[in-house]
Protein backbone atom coordinates (compact mmCIF):
# COMPACT_ATOMS: atom_id res chain seq x y z
CA MET A 1 42.11 113.05 5.91
CA LYS A 2 42.19 116.17 3.77
CA VAL A 3 42.29 115.80 -0.01
CA ALA A 4 42.85 118.58 -2.50
CA VAL A 5 42.26 119.11 -6.20
CA ALA A 6 44.85 121.18 -8.04
CA GLN A 7 44.25 123.02 -11.29
CA GLU A 8 45.63 121.10 -14.27
CA LYS A 9 48.59 122.79 -15.97
CA PHE A 10 49.16 120.46 -18.92
CA PRO A 11 48.63 122.44 -22.17
CA GLY A 12 45.06 122.02 -23.41
CA GLU A 13 43.94 120.00 -20.39
CA ARG A 14 40.51 121.32 -19.40
CA ARG A 15 39.33 118.50 -17.15
CA VAL A 16 39.26 118.61 -13.36
CA ALA A 17 39.72 115.66 -11.00
CA LEU A 18 36.59 116.33 -8.93
CA VAL A 19 33.32 118.02 -9.82
CA PRO A 20 31.07 119.65 -7.20
CA ALA A 21 28.67 116.70 -7.16
CA ALA A 22 31.50 114.41 -6.03
CA VAL A 23 32.29 116.46 -2.91
CA ALA A 24 29.33 115.45 -0.72
CA PRO A 25 29.96 111.67 -0.90
CA LEU A 26 33.58 112.23 0.13
CA LYS A 27 32.60 114.45 3.03
CA LYS A 28 30.07 111.84 4.13
CA ALA A 29 32.97 109.35 4.19
CA GLY A 30 34.85 111.68 6.57
CA ILE A 31 37.13 113.24 3.95
CA ASP A 32 37.63 117.01 3.86
CA VAL A 33 37.89 118.44 0.35
CA ALA A 34 39.84 121.49 -0.83
CA VAL A 35 39.86 122.78 -4.39
CA GLU A 36 42.35 125.19 -5.91
CA SER A 37 40.63 128.38 -7.01
CA GLY A 38 39.76 128.14 -10.70
CA ALA A 39 40.49 124.40 -10.96
CA GLY A 40 37.09 123.62 -12.45
CA LYS A 41 36.57 126.76 -14.52
CA ALA A 42 37.65 125.31 -17.89
CA ALA A 43 35.30 122.36 -17.37
CA GLY A 44 32.34 124.59 -16.49
CA PHE A 45 32.45 124.34 -12.67
CA SER A 46 32.77 127.56 -10.66
CA ASP A 47 34.39 128.09 -7.28
CA ASP A 48 30.96 128.99 -5.91
CA ALA A 49 29.61 125.59 -7.03
CA TYR A 50 32.37 123.85 -5.10
CA ARG A 51 31.74 126.03 -2.03
CA ALA A 52 28.04 125.23 -2.15
CA ALA A 53 28.91 121.53 -2.25
CA GLY A 54 31.02 121.87 0.89
CA ALA A 55 34.54 122.21 -0.48
CA GLU A 56 37.09 124.76 0.70
CA ILE A 57 38.58 127.00 -2.01
CA VAL A 58 42.34 127.35 -1.55
CA SER A 59 45.51 128.56 -3.23
CA ARG A 60 47.82 126.24 -5.17
CA ASP A 61 50.30 126.13 -2.30
CA GLU A 62 47.52 125.17 0.10
CA ALA A 63 46.26 122.48 -2.27
CA PHE A 64 49.71 120.89 -2.43
CA ALA A 65 49.90 120.93 1.37
CA ALA A 66 46.99 118.46 1.65
CA ASP A 67 47.40 114.88 2.82
CA CYS A 68 46.24 113.58 -0.55
CA LEU A 69 46.34 115.23 -3.97
CA LEU A 70 43.78 114.25 -6.62
CA THR A 71 44.79 114.98 -10.21
CA VAL A 72 43.86 114.21 -13.78
CA ARG A 73 47.50 114.23 -14.87
CA THR A 74 50.63 113.72 -12.81
CA CYS A 75 54.15 112.37 -13.34
CA GLY A 76 54.77 111.36 -16.97
CA ALA A 77 51.21 112.13 -18.05
CA ASN A 78 51.74 115.79 -17.09
CA GLY A 79 54.52 116.62 -19.57
CA ASP A 80 56.72 119.59 -18.68
CA ALA A 81 54.20 120.71 -16.04
CA TRP A 82 55.34 117.76 -13.92
CA HIS A 83 58.60 119.43 -12.95
CA ALA A 84 56.96 122.28 -11.04
CA ASP A 85 54.44 119.93 -9.42
CA ARG A 86 57.16 117.45 -8.45
CA ASP A 87 59.06 120.05 -6.47
CA ARG A 88 55.95 120.81 -4.38
CA LEU A 89 55.48 117.20 -3.21
CA ARG A 90 56.63 116.02 0.19
CA PRO A 91 57.40 112.66 1.84
CA GLY A 92 54.32 110.72 2.91
CA GLN A 93 51.94 112.66 0.68
CA ILE A 94 49.48 110.59 -1.34
CA VAL A 95 49.04 111.38 -5.04
CA ILE A 96 46.33 109.80 -7.19
CA GLY A 97 45.91 110.37 -10.92
CA MET A 98 46.94 109.29 -14.40
CA CYS A 99 50.72 108.85 -14.43
CA ASP A 100 51.55 107.09 -17.76
CA PRO A 101 53.68 104.70 -15.67
CA LEU A 102 54.56 102.13 -18.33
CA SER A 103 55.84 104.71 -20.83
CA GLU A 104 57.21 107.33 -18.42
CA ALA A 105 58.65 105.25 -15.59
CA ALA A 106 61.43 107.78 -14.99
CA ALA A 107 58.91 110.42 -13.88
CA CYS A 108 57.31 107.93 -11.50
CA ARG A 109 60.76 107.24 -10.08
CA GLU A 110 61.14 110.96 -9.43
CA ALA A 111 57.90 110.85 -7.46
CA ALA A 112 59.28 107.90 -5.51
CA ASP A 113 62.43 109.88 -4.78
CA ARG A 114 60.23 112.60 -3.24
CA GLY A 115 58.84 109.98 -0.85
CA VAL A 116 55.25 110.16 -2.04
CA THR A 117 52.75 107.32 -2.11
CA LEU A 118 51.72 107.24 -5.76
CA PHE A 119 48.68 105.51 -7.27
CA SER A 120 48.23 105.29 -11.05
CA LEU A 121 44.64 105.04 -12.22
CA GLU A 122 45.69 103.58 -15.59
CA LEU A 123 46.63 100.43 -13.68
CA VAL A 124 43.20 99.77 -12.18
CA PRO A 125 42.59 96.06 -12.85
CA ARG A 126 39.77 95.17 -15.22
CA ILE A 127 37.74 93.22 -12.72
CA THR A 128 34.05 93.54 -11.93
CA ARG A 129 34.38 95.36 -8.61
CA ALA A 130 36.76 97.93 -10.12
CA GLN A 131 34.64 98.91 -13.13
CA SER A 132 33.44 102.13 -11.49
CA MET A 133 37.11 103.15 -11.03
CA ASP A 134 38.23 102.48 -14.62
CA VAL A 135 39.36 105.86 -15.97
CA LEU A 136 40.72 104.39 -19.21
CA SER A 137 37.27 103.11 -20.12
CA SER A 138 35.32 106.19 -19.05
CA GLN A 139 37.60 108.57 -20.95
CA ALA A 140 38.05 106.35 -24.02
CA ASN A 141 34.28 106.08 -24.31
CA ILE A 142 33.97 109.84 -24.80
CA ALA A 143 37.09 109.97 -26.98
CA GLY A 144 35.54 107.47 -29.40
CA TYR A 145 32.41 109.59 -29.64
CA ARG A 146 34.40 112.76 -30.17
CA ALA A 147 36.65 111.19 -32.84
CA VAL A 148 33.67 110.57 -35.11
CA LEU A 149 32.45 114.16 -34.71
CA VAL A 150 35.93 115.45 -35.58
CA ALA A 151 36.01 113.23 -38.66
CA ALA A 152 32.50 114.23 -39.73
CA THR A 153 33.42 117.91 -39.49
CA ALA A 154 36.53 117.44 -41.65
CA LEU A 155 34.81 115.25 -44.25
CA PRO A 156 33.56 117.19 -47.31
CA ARG A 157 30.37 115.13 -47.43
CA ILE A 158 27.57 114.19 -45.05
CA LEU A 159 27.37 110.87 -43.21
CA PRO A 160 23.73 109.77 -43.59
CA MET A 161 21.84 108.79 -46.71
CA MET A 162 19.37 111.47 -47.72
CA THR A 163 16.62 111.29 -50.29
CA THR A 164 15.64 114.74 -51.55
CA ALA A 165 13.87 116.30 -54.50
CA ALA A 166 17.32 117.05 -55.89
CA GLY A 167 18.40 113.42 -55.71
CA THR A 168 19.62 110.79 -53.27
CA VAL A 169 22.84 111.17 -51.30
CA THR A 170 24.55 107.89 -50.51
CA PRO A 171 25.82 107.30 -46.95
CA ALA A 172 29.48 107.74 -46.09
CA LYS A 173 31.49 104.63 -45.30
CA ALA A 174 33.25 104.57 -41.94
CA LEU A 175 35.85 102.01 -40.88
CA ILE A 176 36.78 101.67 -37.21
CA LEU A 177 40.12 99.99 -36.54
CA GLY A 178 40.10 98.57 -33.03
CA ALA A 179 36.95 97.59 -31.17
CA GLY A 180 37.90 98.39 -27.61
CA VAL A 181 35.95 100.92 -25.55
CA ALA A 182 36.82 103.85 -27.85
CA GLY A 183 36.21 101.84 -30.99
CA LEU A 184 32.83 100.53 -29.90
CA GLN A 185 31.65 104.04 -29.04
CA ALA A 186 32.97 105.28 -32.39
CA ILE A 187 30.95 102.56 -34.11
CA ALA A 188 27.80 103.52 -32.20
CA THR A 189 28.27 107.23 -32.92
CA ALA A 190 28.96 106.74 -36.63
CA LYS A 191 25.85 104.56 -36.89
CA ARG A 192 23.73 107.17 -35.10
CA LEU A 193 24.94 109.75 -37.61
CA GLY A 194 23.84 107.49 -40.46
CA ALA A 195 27.16 106.20 -41.81
CA GLN A 196 27.65 102.72 -43.23
CA VAL A 197 30.01 101.28 -40.61
CA SER A 198 32.56 98.47 -40.68
CA ALA A 199 35.01 97.57 -37.95
CA TYR A 200 38.12 95.44 -37.56
CA ASP A 201 39.85 94.13 -34.47
CA VAL A 202 42.64 91.61 -34.08
CA ARG A 203 40.58 89.94 -31.33
CA PRO A 204 37.88 87.75 -32.93
CA ALA A 205 35.99 87.68 -29.62
CA VAL A 206 34.68 91.22 -30.21
CA LYS A 207 32.83 90.28 -33.41
CA GLU A 208 29.53 89.88 -31.58
CA GLN A 209 29.90 93.28 -29.89
CA VAL A 210 30.58 94.98 -33.23
CA GLN A 211 27.58 93.32 -34.88
CA SER A 212 25.32 94.17 -31.92
CA LEU A 213 25.93 97.84 -32.73
CA GLY A 214 24.84 97.35 -36.33
CA ALA A 215 28.27 97.38 -37.92
CA LYS A 216 29.88 94.85 -40.25
CA PHE A 217 32.82 92.98 -38.72
CA VAL A 218 35.76 92.75 -41.12
CA GLU A 219 37.22 89.26 -40.94
CA LEU A 220 40.73 88.62 -42.20
CA PRO A 221 42.31 85.16 -42.66
CA LEU A 222 44.91 85.63 -39.91
CA GLU A 223 45.94 83.50 -36.95
CA THR A 224 44.80 85.51 -33.92
CA GLY A 225 44.76 82.93 -31.12
CA THR A 226 47.19 84.90 -28.92
CA SER A 227 45.90 88.38 -29.69
CA GLU A 228 44.36 89.15 -26.28
CA THR A 229 45.87 89.47 -22.81
CA ALA A 230 44.30 88.05 -19.66
CA GLY A 231 43.10 91.58 -18.82
CA GLY A 232 41.18 91.90 -22.08
CA TYR A 233 43.64 94.23 -23.83
CA ALA A 234 44.98 93.72 -27.35
CA LYS A 235 48.38 92.04 -27.34
CA ALA A 236 51.38 93.07 -29.43
CA MET A 237 51.88 90.76 -32.43
CA GLY A 238 54.93 90.13 -34.60
CA GLU A 239 55.84 92.27 -37.62
CA GLU A 240 55.03 89.40 -40.00
CA PHE A 241 51.47 89.41 -38.64
CA TYR A 242 51.10 93.19 -39.04
CA ALA A 243 52.51 93.09 -42.59
CA LYS A 244 49.92 90.48 -43.62
CA GLN A 245 47.21 92.42 -41.79
CA ARG A 246 48.04 95.63 -43.69
CA GLU A 247 47.99 93.78 -46.99
CA LEU A 248 44.51 92.37 -46.33
CA LEU A 249 43.13 95.63 -44.90
CA GLY A 250 44.21 97.67 -47.89
CA LYS A 251 41.05 97.13 -49.93
CA VAL A 252 38.75 97.91 -46.99
CA VAL A 253 40.62 101.13 -46.16
CA ALA A 254 40.60 102.25 -49.81
CA ASP A 255 36.81 101.95 -49.92
CA SER A 256 36.28 104.03 -46.75
CA ASP A 257 35.48 107.73 -46.46
CA ILE A 258 36.37 107.82 -42.76
CA VAL A 259 38.88 105.67 -40.91
CA ILE A 260 39.06 105.93 -37.10
CA CYS A 261 42.24 104.33 -35.70
CA THR A 262 42.03 103.30 -32.03
CA ALA A 263 44.55 100.44 -31.71
CA LEU A 264 46.84 100.79 -28.69
CA ILE A 265 49.05 98.33 -26.82
CA PRO A 266 49.50 99.42 -23.15
CA GLY A 267 53.00 100.80 -22.60
CA GLN A 268 54.15 100.15 -26.18
CA LYS A 269 54.40 101.91 -29.52
CA ALA A 270 51.15 101.75 -31.46
CA PRO A 271 51.11 99.25 -34.37
CA ILE A 272 51.06 100.64 -37.90
CA LEU A 273 47.77 99.58 -39.49
CA VAL A 274 47.45 102.11 -42.33
CA THR A 275 50.51 102.65 -44.52
CA ARG A 276 51.29 105.52 -46.88
CA GLU A 277 50.43 103.22 -49.78
CA MET A 278 47.02 102.52 -48.26
CA VAL A 279 46.40 106.25 -47.79
CA ALA A 280 47.30 106.88 -51.45
CA ARG A 281 44.58 104.44 -52.53
CA MET A 282 41.84 106.27 -50.61
CA ARG A 283 39.49 108.71 -52.33
CA PRO A 284 40.54 112.38 -52.17
CA GLY A 285 38.67 114.13 -49.37
CA SER A 286 38.67 111.05 -47.15
CA VAL A 287 39.52 111.53 -43.47
CA ILE A 288 41.60 109.49 -41.05
CA VAL A 289 41.47 110.19 -37.31
CA ASP A 290 44.47 108.56 -35.66
CA MET A 291 43.70 108.30 -31.95
CA ALA A 292 47.06 106.58 -31.44
CA ALA A 293 49.11 109.49 -32.83
CA GLU A 294 50.63 110.23 -29.42
CA ARG A 295 52.02 106.66 -29.29
CA GLY A 296 53.59 106.72 -32.75
CA GLY A 297 50.33 106.37 -34.65
CA ASN A 298 48.35 103.62 -36.36
CA CYS A 299 48.64 105.57 -39.60
CA GLU A 300 51.92 106.39 -41.30
CA GLY A 301 52.18 110.14 -41.74
CA SER A 302 50.04 111.13 -38.77
CA ALA A 303 51.48 113.61 -36.29
CA PRO A 304 50.37 114.40 -32.72
CA ASP A 305 47.90 117.30 -32.61
CA GLU A 306 48.48 118.16 -36.27
CA THR A 307 46.46 118.01 -39.48
CA VAL A 308 48.39 116.36 -42.31
CA VAL A 309 47.13 116.10 -45.90
CA LEU A 310 48.60 113.27 -47.98
CA ASP A 311 47.38 112.58 -51.52
CA GLY A 312 44.21 114.53 -50.80
CA VAL A 313 43.47 112.56 -47.61
CA THR A 314 43.20 114.50 -44.32
CA ILE A 315 44.93 112.80 -41.40
CA LEU A 316 44.15 114.13 -37.91
CA GLY A 317 46.18 113.19 -34.84
CA PRO A 318 44.30 114.42 -31.73
CA THR A 319 45.99 113.45 -28.47
CA ASN A 320 43.48 114.56 -25.85
CA LEU A 321 39.94 114.20 -27.17
CA PRO A 322 38.42 113.83 -23.67
CA ALA A 323 39.63 117.34 -22.78
CA GLU A 324 37.59 118.74 -25.69
CA VAL A 325 34.38 117.86 -23.84
CA PRO A 326 35.57 118.51 -20.27
CA PHE A 327 32.20 118.91 -18.57
CA HIS A 328 31.14 115.31 -18.98
CA THR A 329 34.58 113.72 -18.99
CA SER A 330 35.27 115.47 -15.67
CA GLN A 331 32.00 114.09 -14.29
CA LEU A 332 33.00 110.56 -15.24
CA TYR A 333 36.58 110.96 -14.06
CA ALA A 334 35.39 112.36 -10.73
CA LYS A 335 33.19 109.29 -10.21
CA ASN A 336 36.19 107.04 -10.98
CA ILE A 337 38.68 108.79 -8.71
CA SER A 338 36.30 109.38 -5.80
CA THR A 339 35.20 105.73 -5.84
CA PHE A 340 38.85 104.69 -5.93
CA LEU A 341 39.73 107.00 -3.03
CA GLN A 342 36.86 105.75 -0.91
CA HIS A 343 37.99 102.18 -1.60
CA LEU A 344 41.50 103.04 -0.41
CA VAL A 345 40.10 104.62 2.75
CA LYS A 346 38.00 101.53 3.46
CA THR A 347 41.09 99.34 3.15
CA GLY A 348 43.01 101.48 5.65
CA LEU A 349 44.55 104.49 3.85
CA PRO A 350 47.07 106.01 4.64
CA ASP A 351 48.16 102.41 5.18
CA VAL A 352 48.06 100.45 1.91
CA SER A 353 46.63 96.95 1.88
CA LEU A 354 48.70 94.75 -0.41
CA ASP A 355 46.16 91.98 0.14
CA ASP A 356 43.67 93.97 -1.92
CA GLU A 357 44.10 93.54 -5.69
CA ILE A 358 42.98 97.06 -6.54
CA CYS A 359 45.35 98.70 -4.06
CA ARG A 360 48.25 96.43 -4.96
CA ASP A 361 47.94 96.77 -8.75
CA THR A 362 47.65 100.57 -8.76
CA LEU A 363 50.38 101.32 -6.20
CA VAL A 364 53.42 102.62 -8.08
CA ALA A 365 55.60 104.19 -5.38
CA ARG A 366 55.83 104.16 -1.61
CA GLY A 367 58.49 104.64 1.04
CA GLY A 368 61.00 106.22 -1.32
CA GLN A 369 61.02 103.55 -4.01
CA LEU A 370 59.10 102.23 -6.98
CA VAL A 371 57.15 99.17 -5.87
CA HIS A 372 55.16 98.18 -8.96
CA PRO A 373 56.95 95.29 -10.73
CA LYS A 374 56.22 96.40 -14.30
CA VAL A 375 57.12 100.02 -13.62
CA ARG A 376 60.37 98.95 -11.94
CA GLU A 377 61.18 96.88 -15.02
CA ARG A 378 60.50 99.85 -17.33
CA ALA A 379 62.71 102.02 -15.10
CA GLY A 380 65.55 99.52 -15.41
CA LEU A 381 65.39 98.50 -11.75
CA PRO A 382 65.70 94.93 -10.43
CA PRO A 383 62.69 93.25 -8.79
CA LEU A 384 62.13 93.96 -5.12
CA ASP A 385 63.38 91.13 -2.89
CA ALA A 386 60.15 90.98 -0.96
CA PRO A 387 56.80 92.80 -0.83
CA THR A 388 56.82 96.08 1.06
CA THR A 389 54.92 95.78 4.33
């Protein structure tokens, strides 16, 4: 099998699907690797580094002629760049990458119409043997770190307490909303920088994790028994719940210098956690980083990739924090995707084993049709009568 890595064309995307260090393990597994010239440049990896690792440097047309295409972004995750890529795909070709399948099912259907076999890495199940393939966790981890640095840069005060001859500077107060992978890393980073950190999550089970990082867990008198899915993700709650949550969170938000919003529900609009009224009660100069801005935002008034100032409070809405530190996020992503690919090969790729949970849960399209039940539902298609063999 020959796999190829194409240069990412999504605006601002600086990551690359494979780094040079990931080439040798694939070649050892009997997989030939081609890399489009310049694909790794923005992440700090030269063509010569790929050549030295054993990869062939090719043109874009040659990359898209490979048996299998490895990407960071494809289908709905690739924005307008998807249209040009889509027209290069051919029946039977395998495409692996982030597809945004639950929000952009129509783009995945277009891939199905081209006859490709499409795997979405966002759908990797959260099971022990798939942890090394989990791109959402690896990228969110760095995004949480980066969000705190962005907030610290925008804040007109320092984070740690300092005692000097000129007086003592009190520590900044940071509130992290959502204690998933991104939130936990944001907590750890804010603590390392010396902030006084609090965190809130609708899932009471994460309290111990928050406290283990040295942060205070904000407990609200809310019924949260059904707040977590079987896969460990936060579950969408009713509007009555969110209204009560916002009311109780108001005082905590008002007393914070930095608020990092990380709450996302897979495939759904992000819940509003910070209202305009809550923003108005914050101290002037405070900073909110809304990591959910691309999904509608956890903070009212935030806008994707824009800086908004409301009542003296700076609200940032970054949508691709991992791409701001592409060297290391590419390293992690390459480990995820190469491990995933090798797993597929072991299970019989180009044949797809539907008996394997990892293969089955990530397979979005094959044989000219969408085959993933949830993606079919989002695309408005009826369930398949029987599993594809």
